[in-house]
Amino acid sequence: GGAEHALVVPCDVTAPADVERLFADAVGAFGRVDVL
């Protein structure tokens, strides 16, 4: 909904490369991951 602190990452959770990219993008954008 246009939220400032939302990061959209298209991802198929059955694809290992997609999942690795998801967390790399989250860490790259926000610096860490506190909760999955």
Full PDB file with SEQRES, HELIX, SHEET, SSBOND, CRYST1, ORIGX, SCALE, CONECT and MASTER records, all heavy atoms in Angstrom:
SEQRES   1 A   36  GLY GLY ALA GLU HIS ALA LEU VAL VAL PRO CYS ASP VAL          
SEQRES   2 A   36  THR ALA PRO ALA ASP VAL GLU ARG LEU PHE ALA ASP ALA          
SEQRES   3 A   36  VAL GLY ALA PHE GLY ARG VAL ASP VAL LEU                      
HELIX    1 AA1 PRO A   16  PHE A   30  1                                  15    
CRYST1    1.000    1.000    1.000  90.00  90.00  90.00 P 1           1          
ORIGX1      1.000000  0.000000  0.000000        0.00000                         
ORIGX2      0.000000  1.000000  0.000000        0.00000                         
ORIGX3      0.000000  0.000000  1.000000        0.00000                         
SCALE1      1.000000  0.000000  0.000000        0.00000                         
SCALE2      0.000000  1.000000  0.000000        0.00000                         
SCALE3      0.000000  0.000000  1.000000        0.00000                         
ATOM      1  N   GLY A   1       0.795  -1.222   0.000  1.00  0.00           N  
ATOM      2  CA  GLY A   1       0.000   0.000   0.000  1.00  0.00           C  
ATOM      3  C   GLY A   1       0.829   1.274   0.000  1.00  0.00           C  
ATOM      4  O   GLY A   1       0.403   2.300   0.521  1.00  0.00           O  
ATOM      5  N   GLY A   2       2.041   1.200  -0.573  1.00  0.00           N  
ATOM      6  CA  GLY A   2       2.891   2.378  -0.630  1.00  0.00           C  
ATOM      7  C   GLY A   2       3.592   2.720   0.668  1.00  0.00           C  
ATOM      8  O   GLY A   2       4.183   3.803   0.789  1.00  0.00           O  
ATOM      9  N   ALA A   3       3.565   1.821   1.643  1.00  0.00           N  
ATOM     10  CA  ALA A   3       4.209   2.101   2.937  1.00  0.00           C  
ATOM     11  C   ALA A   3       5.698   2.332   2.752  1.00  0.00           C  
ATOM     12  O   ALA A   3       6.375   1.616   2.009  1.00  0.00           O  
ATOM     13  CB  ALA A   3       3.970   0.938   3.893  1.00  0.00           C  
ATOM     14  N   GLU A   4       6.217   3.317   3.454  1.00  0.00           N  
ATOM     15  CA  GLU A   4       7.611   3.730   3.285  1.00  0.00           C  
ATOM     16  C   GLU A   4       8.577   2.614   3.629  1.00  0.00           C  
ATOM     17  O   GLU A   4       9.626   2.461   2.990  1.00  0.00           O  
ATOM     18  CB  GLU A   4       7.882   4.941   4.178  1.00  0.00           C  
ATOM     19  CG  GLU A   4       9.316   5.454   4.107  1.00  0.00           C  
ATOM     20  CD  GLU A   4       9.557   6.614   5.042  1.00  0.00           C  
ATOM     21  OE1 GLU A   4       8.604   7.038   5.745  1.00  0.00           O  
ATOM     22  OE2 GLU A   4      10.716   7.105   5.085  1.00  0.00           O  
ATOM     23  N   HIS A   5       8.264   1.815   4.618  1.00  0.00           N  
ATOM     24  CA  HIS A   5       9.209   0.815   5.115  1.00  0.00           C  
ATOM     25  C   HIS A   5       8.858  -0.601   4.663  1.00  0.00           C  
ATOM     26  O   HIS A   5       9.202  -1.567   5.333  1.00  0.00           O  
ATOM     27  CB  HIS A   5       9.281   0.883   6.636  1.00  0.00           C  
ATOM     28  CG  HIS A   5       9.792   2.199   7.142  1.00  0.00           C  
ATOM     29  ND1 HIS A   5      11.023   2.693   6.783  1.00  0.00           N  
ATOM     30  CD2 HIS A   5       9.222   3.128   7.951  1.00  0.00           C  
ATOM     31  CE1 HIS A   5      11.208   3.862   7.354  1.00  0.00           C  
ATOM     32  NE2 HIS A   5      10.130   4.156   8.059  1.00  0.00           N  
ATOM     33  N   ALA A   6       8.176  -0.700   3.515  1.00  0.00           N  
ATOM     34  CA  ALA A   6       7.860  -2.003   2.932  1.00  0.00           C  
ATOM     35  C   ALA A   6       8.790  -2.266   1.750  1.00  0.00           C  
ATOM     36  O   ALA A   6       9.016  -1.393   0.915  1.00  0.00           O  
ATOM     37  CB  ALA A   6       6.411  -2.041   2.472  1.00  0.00           C  
ATOM     38  N   LEU A   7       9.346  -3.460   1.693  1.00  0.00           N  
ATOM     39  CA  LEU A   7      10.199  -3.901   0.589  1.00  0.00           C  
ATOM     40  C   LEU A   7       9.529  -5.073  -0.089  1.00  0.00           C  
ATOM     41  O   LEU A   7       9.305  -6.121   0.538  1.00  0.00           O  
ATOM     42  CB  LEU A   7      11.579  -4.309   1.111  1.00  0.00           C  
ATOM     43  CG  LEU A   7      12.551  -4.911   0.086  1.00  0.00           C  
ATOM     44  CD1 LEU A   7      12.994  -3.846  -0.920  1.00  0.00           C  
ATOM     45  CD2 LEU A   7      13.751  -5.539   0.793  1.00  0.00           C  
ATOM     46  N   VAL A   8       9.185  -4.941  -1.353  1.00  0.00           N  
ATOM     47  CA  VAL A   8       8.532  -6.004  -2.117  1.00  0.00           C  
ATOM     48  C   VAL A   8       9.589  -6.852  -2.802  1.00  0.00           C  
ATOM     49  O   VAL A   8      10.416  -6.337  -3.558  1.00  0.00           O  
ATOM     50  CB  VAL A   8       7.553  -5.405  -3.147  1.00  0.00           C  
ATOM     51  CG1 VAL A   8       7.090  -6.467  -4.138  1.00  0.00           C  
ATOM     52  CG2 VAL A   8       6.353  -4.779  -2.436  1.00  0.00           C  
ATOM     53  N   VAL A   9       9.564  -8.159  -2.523  1.00  0.00           N  
ATOM     54  CA  VAL A   9      10.531  -9.078  -3.113  1.00  0.00           C  
ATOM     55  C   VAL A   9       9.787 -10.282  -3.679  1.00  0.00           C  
ATOM     56  O   VAL A   9       9.428 -11.205  -2.943  1.00  0.00           O  
ATOM     57  CB  VAL A   9      11.570  -9.559  -2.074  1.00  0.00           C  
ATOM     58  CG1 VAL A   9      12.650 -10.395  -2.763  1.00  0.00           C  
ATOM     59  CG2 VAL A   9      12.189  -8.391  -1.331  1.00  0.00           C  
ATOM     60  N   PRO A  10       9.522 -10.308  -4.992  1.00  0.00           N  
ATOM     61  CA  PRO A  10       8.915 -11.503  -5.579  1.00  0.00           C  
ATOM     62  C   PRO A  10       9.792 -12.720  -5.318  1.00  0.00           C  
ATOM     63  O   PRO A  10      11.011 -12.668  -5.488  1.00  0.00           O  
ATOM     64  CB  PRO A  10       8.853 -11.163  -7.073  1.00  0.00           C  
ATOM     65  CG  PRO A  10       8.864  -9.664  -7.120  1.00  0.00           C  
ATOM     66  CD  PRO A  10       9.739  -9.239  -5.984  1.00  0.00           C  
ATOM     67  N   CYS A  11       9.172 -13.815  -4.871  1.00  0.00           N  
ATOM     68  CA  CYS A  11       9.965 -14.960  -4.425  1.00  0.00           C  
ATOM     69  C   CYS A  11       9.116 -16.222  -4.465  1.00  0.00           C  
ATOM     70  O   CYS A  11       7.970 -16.229  -4.007  1.00  0.00           O  
ATOM     71  CB  CYS A  11      10.459 -14.723  -2.997  1.00  0.00           C  
ATOM     72  SG  CYS A  11      11.314 -16.103  -2.239  1.00  0.00           S  
ATOM     73  N   ASP A  12       9.689 -17.280  -5.012  1.00  0.00           N  
ATOM     74  CA  ASP A  12       9.112 -18.618  -4.932  1.00  0.00           C  
ATOM     75  C   ASP A  12       9.870 -19.359  -3.844  1.00  0.00           C  
ATOM     76  O   ASP A  12      11.065 -19.646  -3.990  1.00  0.00           O  
ATOM     77  CB  ASP A  12       9.264 -19.324  -6.287  1.00  0.00           C  
ATOM     78  CG  ASP A  12       8.707 -20.735  -6.292  1.00  0.00           C  
ATOM     79  OD1 ASP A  12       8.364 -21.266  -5.218  1.00  0.00           O  
ATOM     80  OD2 ASP A  12       8.638 -21.340  -7.382  1.00  0.00           O  
ATOM     81  N   VAL A  13       9.203 -19.676  -2.743  1.00  0.00           N  
ATOM     82  CA  VAL A  13       9.916 -20.259  -1.602  1.00  0.00           C  
ATOM     83  C   VAL A  13      10.438 -21.665  -1.883  1.00  0.00           C  
ATOM     84  O   VAL A  13      11.241 -22.190  -1.106  1.00  0.00           O  
ATOM     85  CB  VAL A  13       9.041 -20.281  -0.336  1.00  0.00           C  
ATOM     86  CG1 VAL A  13       8.670 -18.867   0.089  1.00  0.00           C  
ATOM     87  CG2 VAL A  13       7.810 -21.165  -0.507  1.00  0.00           C  
ATOM     88  N   THR A  14       9.999 -22.289  -2.983  1.00  0.00           N  
ATOM     89  CA  THR A  14      10.524 -23.611  -3.329  1.00  0.00           C  
ATOM     90  C   THR A  14      11.826 -23.523  -4.110  1.00  0.00           C  
ATOM     91  O   THR A  14      12.444 -24.559  -4.378  1.00  0.00           O  
ATOM     92  CB  THR A  14       9.507 -24.414  -4.148  1.00  0.00           C  
ATOM     93  OG1 THR A  14       9.365 -23.842  -5.458  1.00  0.00           O  
ATOM     94  CG2 THR A  14       8.143 -24.450  -3.469  1.00  0.00           C  
ATOM     95  N   ALA A  15      12.245 -22.315  -4.489  1.00  0.00           N  
ATOM     96  CA  ALA A  15      13.461 -22.111  -5.288  1.00  0.00           C  
ATOM     97  C   ALA A  15      14.571 -21.588  -4.387  1.00  0.00           C  
ATOM     98  O   ALA A  15      14.498 -20.441  -3.925  1.00  0.00           O  
ATOM     99  CB  ALA A  15      13.196 -21.130  -6.428  1.00  0.00           C  
ATOM    100  N   PRO A  16      15.611 -22.372  -4.120  1.00  0.00           N  
ATOM    101  CA  PRO A  16      16.671 -21.925  -3.208  1.00  0.00           C  
ATOM    102  C   PRO A  16      17.288 -20.581  -3.587  1.00  0.00           C  
ATOM    103  O   PRO A  16      17.555 -19.757  -2.705  1.00  0.00           O  
ATOM    104  CB  PRO A  16      17.698 -23.067  -3.286  1.00  0.00           C  
ATOM    105  CG  PRO A  16      16.894 -24.278  -3.624  1.00  0.00           C  
ATOM    106  CD  PRO A  16      15.811 -23.784  -4.550  1.00  0.00           C  
ATOM    107  N   ALA A  17      17.495 -20.336  -4.877  1.00  0.00           N  
ATOM    108  CA  ALA A  17      18.108 -19.072  -5.284  1.00  0.00           C  
ATOM    109  C   ALA A  17      17.190 -17.894  -4.966  1.00  0.00           C  
ATOM    110  O   ALA A  17      17.666 -16.817  -4.556  1.00  0.00           O  
ATOM    111  CB  ALA A  17      18.432 -19.101  -6.777  1.00  0.00           C  
ATOM    112  N   ASP A  18      15.887 -18.069  -5.132  1.00  0.00           N  
ATOM    113  CA  ASP A  18      14.939 -17.013  -4.785  1.00  0.00           C  
ATOM    114  C   ASP A  18      14.991 -16.695  -3.296  1.00  0.00           C  
ATOM    115  O   ASP A  18      14.960 -15.524  -2.883  1.00  0.00           O  
ATOM    116  CB  ASP A  18      13.514 -17.440  -5.149  1.00  0.00           C  
ATOM    117  CG  ASP A  18      13.150 -17.136  -6.590  1.00  0.00           C  
ATOM    118  OD1 ASP A  18      14.072 -16.950  -7.413  1.00  0.00           O  
ATOM    119  OD2 ASP A  18      11.939 -17.101  -6.902  1.00  0.00           O  
ATOM    120  N   VAL A  19      15.056 -17.737  -2.481  1.00  0.00           N  
ATOM    121  CA  VAL A  19      15.065 -17.542  -1.037  1.00  0.00           C  
ATOM    122  C   VAL A  19      16.342 -16.826  -0.600  1.00  0.00           C  
ATOM    123  O   VAL A  19      16.304 -15.907   0.227  1.00  0.00           O  
ATOM    124  CB  VAL A  19      14.897 -18.881  -0.309  1.00  0.00           C  
ATOM    125  CG1 VAL A  19      15.083 -18.710   1.199  1.00  0.00           C  
ATOM    126  CG2 VAL A  19      13.526 -19.479  -0.614  1.00  0.00           C  
ATOM    127  N   GLU A  20      17.473 -17.218  -1.159  1.00  0.00           N  
ATOM    128  CA  GLU A  20      18.729 -16.547  -0.819  1.00  0.00           C  
ATOM    129  C   GLU A  20      18.671 -15.073  -1.216  1.00  0.00           C  
ATOM    130  O   GLU A  20      19.140 -14.200  -0.478  1.00  0.00           O  
ATOM    131  CB  GLU A  20      19.905 -17.243  -1.506  1.00  0.00           C  
ATOM    132  CG  GLU A  20      20.200 -18.630  -0.960  1.00  0.00           C  
ATOM    133  CD  GLU A  20      20.526 -18.623   0.521  1.00  0.00           C  
ATOM    134  OE1 GLU A  20      21.281 -17.738   0.977  1.00  0.00           O  
ATOM    135  OE2 GLU A  20      20.000 -19.494   1.238  1.00  0.00           O  
ATOM    136  N   ARG A  21      18.087 -14.786  -2.369  1.00  0.00           N  
ATOM    137  CA  ARG A  21      17.965 -13.397  -2.816  1.00  0.00           C  
ATOM    138  C   ARG A  21      17.033 -12.612  -1.905  1.00  0.00           C  
ATOM    139  O   ARG A  21      17.284 -11.437  -1.597  1.00  0.00           O  
ATOM    140  CB  ARG A  21      17.452 -13.361  -4.260  1.00  0.00           C  
ATOM    141  CG  ARG A  21      17.242 -11.946  -4.806  1.00  0.00           C  
ATOM    142  CD  ARG A  21      16.852 -11.972  -6.277  1.00  0.00           C  
ATOM    143  NE  ARG A  21      15.773 -12.910  -6.555  1.00  0.00           N  
ATOM    144  CZ  ARG A  21      14.479 -12.642  -6.334  1.00  0.00           C  
ATOM    145  NH1 ARG A  21      14.118 -11.463  -5.837  1.00  0.00           N  
ATOM    146  NH2 ARG A  21      13.551 -13.536  -6.618  1.00  0.00           N  
ATOM    147  N   LEU A  22      15.958 -13.237  -1.436  1.00  0.00           N  
ATOM    148  CA  LEU A  22      15.026 -12.577  -0.526  1.00  0.00           C  
ATOM    149  C   LEU A  22      15.745 -12.059   0.711  1.00  0.00           C  
ATOM    150  O   LEU A  22      15.596 -10.882   1.093  1.00  0.00           O  
ATOM    151  CB  LEU A  22      13.913 -13.556  -0.129  1.00  0.00           C  
ATOM    152  CG  LEU A  22      13.055 -13.183   1.085  1.00  0.00           C  
ATOM    153  CD1 LEU A  22      12.286 -11.895   0.834  1.00  0.00           C  
ATOM    154  CD2 LEU A  22      12.105 -14.340   1.427  1.00  0.00           C  
ATOM    155  N   PHE A  23      16.545 -12.913   1.325  1.00  0.00           N  
ATOM    156  CA  PHE A  23      17.204 -12.489   2.565  1.00  0.00           C  
ATOM    157  C   PHE A  23      18.374 -11.552   2.298  1.00  0.00           C  
ATOM    158  O   PHE A  23      18.637 -10.646   3.097  1.00  0.00           O  
ATOM    159  CB  PHE A  23      17.600 -13.713   3.386  1.00  0.00           C  
ATOM    160  CG  PHE A  23      16.416 -14.324   4.067  1.00  0.00           C  
ATOM    161  CD1 PHE A  23      15.644 -15.281   3.429  1.00  0.00           C  
ATOM    162  CD2 PHE A  23      16.033 -13.901   5.323  1.00  0.00           C  
ATOM    163  CE1 PHE A  23      14.513 -15.814   4.037  1.00  0.00           C  
ATOM    164  CE2 PHE A  23      14.910 -14.420   5.949  1.00  0.00           C  
ATOM    165  CZ  PHE A  23      14.150 -15.386   5.301  1.00  0.00           C  
ATOM    166  N   ALA A  24      19.037 -11.723   1.164  1.00  0.00           N  
ATOM    167  CA  ALA A  24      20.093 -10.775   0.798  1.00  0.00           C  
ATOM    168  C   ALA A  24      19.497  -9.390   0.564  1.00  0.00           C  
ATOM    169  O   ALA A  24      20.064  -8.369   0.992  1.00  0.00           O  
ATOM    170  CB  ALA A  24      20.828 -11.262  -0.446  1.00  0.00           C  
ATOM    171  N   ASP A  25      18.328  -9.341  -0.084  1.00  0.00           N  
ATOM    172  CA  ASP A  25      17.672  -8.055  -0.334  1.00  0.00           C  
ATOM    173  C   ASP A  25      17.204  -7.417   0.977  1.00  0.00           C  
ATOM    174  O   ASP A  25      17.323  -6.192   1.170  1.00  0.00           O  
ATOM    175  CB  ASP A  25      16.478  -8.233  -1.268  1.00  0.00           C  
ATOM    176  CG  ASP A  25      16.890  -8.478  -2.718  1.00  0.00           C  
ATOM    177  OD1 ASP A  25      18.102  -8.456  -3.002  1.00  0.00           O  
ATOM    178  OD2 ASP A  25      15.991  -8.705  -3.551  1.00  0.00           O  
ATOM    179  N   ALA A  26      16.664  -8.230   1.880  1.00  0.00           N  
ATOM    180  CA  ALA A  26      16.191  -7.692   3.157  1.00  0.00           C  
ATOM    181  C   ALA A  26      17.351  -7.120   3.964  1.00  0.00           C  
ATOM    182  O   ALA A  26      17.260  -6.004   4.498  1.00  0.00           O  
ATOM    183  CB  ALA A  26      15.471  -8.781   3.946  1.00  0.00           C  
ATOM    184  N   VAL A  27      18.448  -7.861   4.042  1.00  0.00           N  
ATOM    185  CA  VAL A  27      19.617  -7.377   4.783  1.00  0.00           C  
ATOM    186  C   VAL A  27      20.228  -6.165   4.089  1.00  0.00           C  
ATOM    187  O   VAL A  27      20.639  -5.192   4.729  1.00  0.00           O  
ATOM    188  CB  VAL A  27      20.655  -8.506   4.948  1.00  0.00           C  
ATOM    189  CG1 VAL A  27      21.951  -7.963   5.544  1.00  0.00           C  
ATOM    190  CG2 VAL A  27      20.094  -9.621   5.831  1.00  0.00           C  
ATOM    191  N   GLY A  28      20.255  -6.204   2.750  1.00  0.00           N  
ATOM    192  CA  GLY A  28      20.799  -5.072   2.014  1.00  0.00           C  
ATOM    193  C   GLY A  28      19.997  -3.800   2.221  1.00  0.00           C  
ATOM    194  O   GLY A  28      20.565  -2.702   2.323  1.00  0.00           O  
ATOM    195  N   ALA A  29      18.683  -3.929   2.304  1.00  0.00           N  
ATOM    196  CA  ALA A  29      17.833  -2.751   2.456  1.00  0.00           C  
ATOM    197  C   ALA A  29      17.743  -2.275   3.897  1.00  0.00           C  
ATOM    198  O   ALA A  29      17.720  -1.062   4.174  1.00  0.00           O  
ATOM    199  CB  ALA A  29      16.427  -3.054   1.934  1.00  0.00           C  
ATOM    200  N   PHE A  30      17.695  -3.208   4.844  1.00  0.00           N  
ATOM    201  CA  PHE A  30      17.388  -2.858   6.225  1.00  0.00           C  
ATOM    202  C   PHE A  30      18.523  -3.145   7.208  1.00  0.00           C  
ATOM    203  O   PHE A  30      18.437  -2.753   8.375  1.00  0.00           O  
ATOM    204  CB  PHE A  30      16.140  -3.612   6.686  1.00  0.00           C  
ATOM    205  CG  PHE A  30      14.908  -3.300   5.885  1.00  0.00           C  
ATOM    206  CD1 PHE A  30      14.044  -4.311   5.474  1.00  0.00           C  
ATOM    207  CD2 PHE A  30      14.581  -1.996   5.555  1.00  0.00           C  
ATOM    208  CE1 PHE A  30      12.892  -4.036   4.761  1.00  0.00           C  
ATOM    209  CE2 PHE A  30      13.425  -1.707   4.828  1.00  0.00           C  
ATOM    210  CZ  PHE A  30      12.581  -2.730   4.430  1.00  0.00           C  
ATOM    211  N   GLY A  31      19.550  -3.872   6.779  1.00  0.00           N  
ATOM    212  CA  GLY A  31      20.705  -4.098   7.641  1.00  0.00           C  
ATOM    213  C   GLY A  31      20.692  -5.358   8.471  1.00  0.00           C  
ATOM    214  O   GLY A  31      21.751  -5.815   8.913  1.00  0.00           O  
ATOM    215  N   ARG A  32      19.502  -5.969   8.672  1.00  0.00           N  
ATOM    216  CA  ARG A  32      19.420  -7.157   9.511  1.00  0.00           C  
ATOM    217  C   ARG A  32      18.049  -7.808   9.329  1.00  0.00           C  
ATOM    218  O   ARG A  32      17.191  -7.270   8.611  1.00  0.00           O  
ATOM    219  CB  ARG A  32      19.658  -6.825  10.982  1.00  0.00           C  
ATOM    220  CG  ARG A  32      18.672  -5.845  11.579  1.00  0.00           C  
ATOM    221  CD  ARG A  32      19.012  -5.503  13.030  1.00  0.00           C  
ATOM    222  NE  ARG A  32      18.784  -6.646  13.920  1.00  0.00           N  
ATOM    223  CZ  ARG A  32      19.760  -7.317  14.531  1.00  0.00           C  
ATOM    224  NH1 ARG A  32      21.021  -6.992  14.345  1.00  0.00           N  
ATOM    225  NH2 ARG A  32      19.482  -8.319  15.354  1.00  0.00           N  
ATOM    226  N   VAL A  33      17.841  -8.941   9.982  1.00  0.00           N  
ATOM    227  CA  VAL A  33      16.532  -9.599  10.023  1.00  0.00           C  
ATOM    228  C   VAL A  33      16.269  -9.982  11.477  1.00  0.00           C  
ATOM    229  O   VAL A  33      17.021 -10.766  12.064  1.00  0.00           O  
ATOM    230  CB  VAL A  33      16.477 -10.861   9.134  1.00  0.00           C  
ATOM    231  CG1 VAL A  33      15.149 -11.594   9.334  1.00  0.00           C  
ATOM    232  CG2 VAL A  33      16.663 -10.500   7.664  1.00  0.00           C  
ATOM    233  N   ASP A  34      15.220  -9.420  12.068  1.00  0.00           N  
ATOM    234  CA  ASP A  34      14.869  -9.741  13.448  1.00  0.00           C  
ATOM    235  C   ASP A  34      13.839 -10.853  13.545  1.00  0.00           C  
ATOM    236  O   ASP A  34      13.866 -11.640  14.494  1.00  0.00           O  
ATOM    237  CB  ASP A  34      14.322  -8.492  14.151  1.00  0.00           C  
ATOM    238  CG  ASP A  34      15.379  -7.413  14.278  1.00  0.00           C  
ATOM    239  OD1 ASP A  34      16.365  -7.639  15.006  1.00  0.00           O  
ATOM    240  OD2 ASP A  34      15.220  -6.357  13.634  1.00  0.00           O  
ATOM    241  N   VAL A  35      12.923 -10.912  12.581  1.00  0.00           N  
ATOM    242  CA  VAL A  35      11.833 -11.890  12.623  1.00  0.00           C  
ATOM    243  C   VAL A  35      11.557 -12.411  11.226  1.00  0.00           C  
ATOM    244  O   VAL A  35      11.528 -11.648  10.256  1.00  0.00           O  
ATOM    245  CB  VAL A  35      10.539 -11.261  13.207  1.00  0.00           C  
ATOM    246  CG1 VAL A  35       9.333 -12.163  12.970  1.00  0.00           C  
ATOM    247  CG2 VAL A  35      10.694 -10.998  14.690  1.00  0.00           C  
ATOM    248  N   LEU A  36      11.362 -13.719  11.123  1.00  0.00           N  
ATOM    249  CA  LEU A  36      10.789 -14.340   9.933  1.00  0.00           C  
ATOM    250  C   LEU A  36       9.429 -14.887  10.303  1.00  0.00           C  
ATOM    251  O   LEU A  36       9.313 -15.689  11.246  1.00  0.00           O  
ATOM    252  CB  LEU A  36      11.674 -15.474   9.425  1.00  0.00           C  
ATOM    253  CG  LEU A  36      10.992 -16.459   8.443  1.00  0.00           C  
ATOM    254  CD1 LEU A  36      10.609 -15.768   7.138  1.00  0.00           C  
ATOM    255  CD2 LEU A  36      11.869 -17.682   8.195  1.00  0.00           C  
TER     256      LEU A  36                                                      
MASTER        0    0    0    1    0    0    0    6  255    1    0    3          
END                                                                             
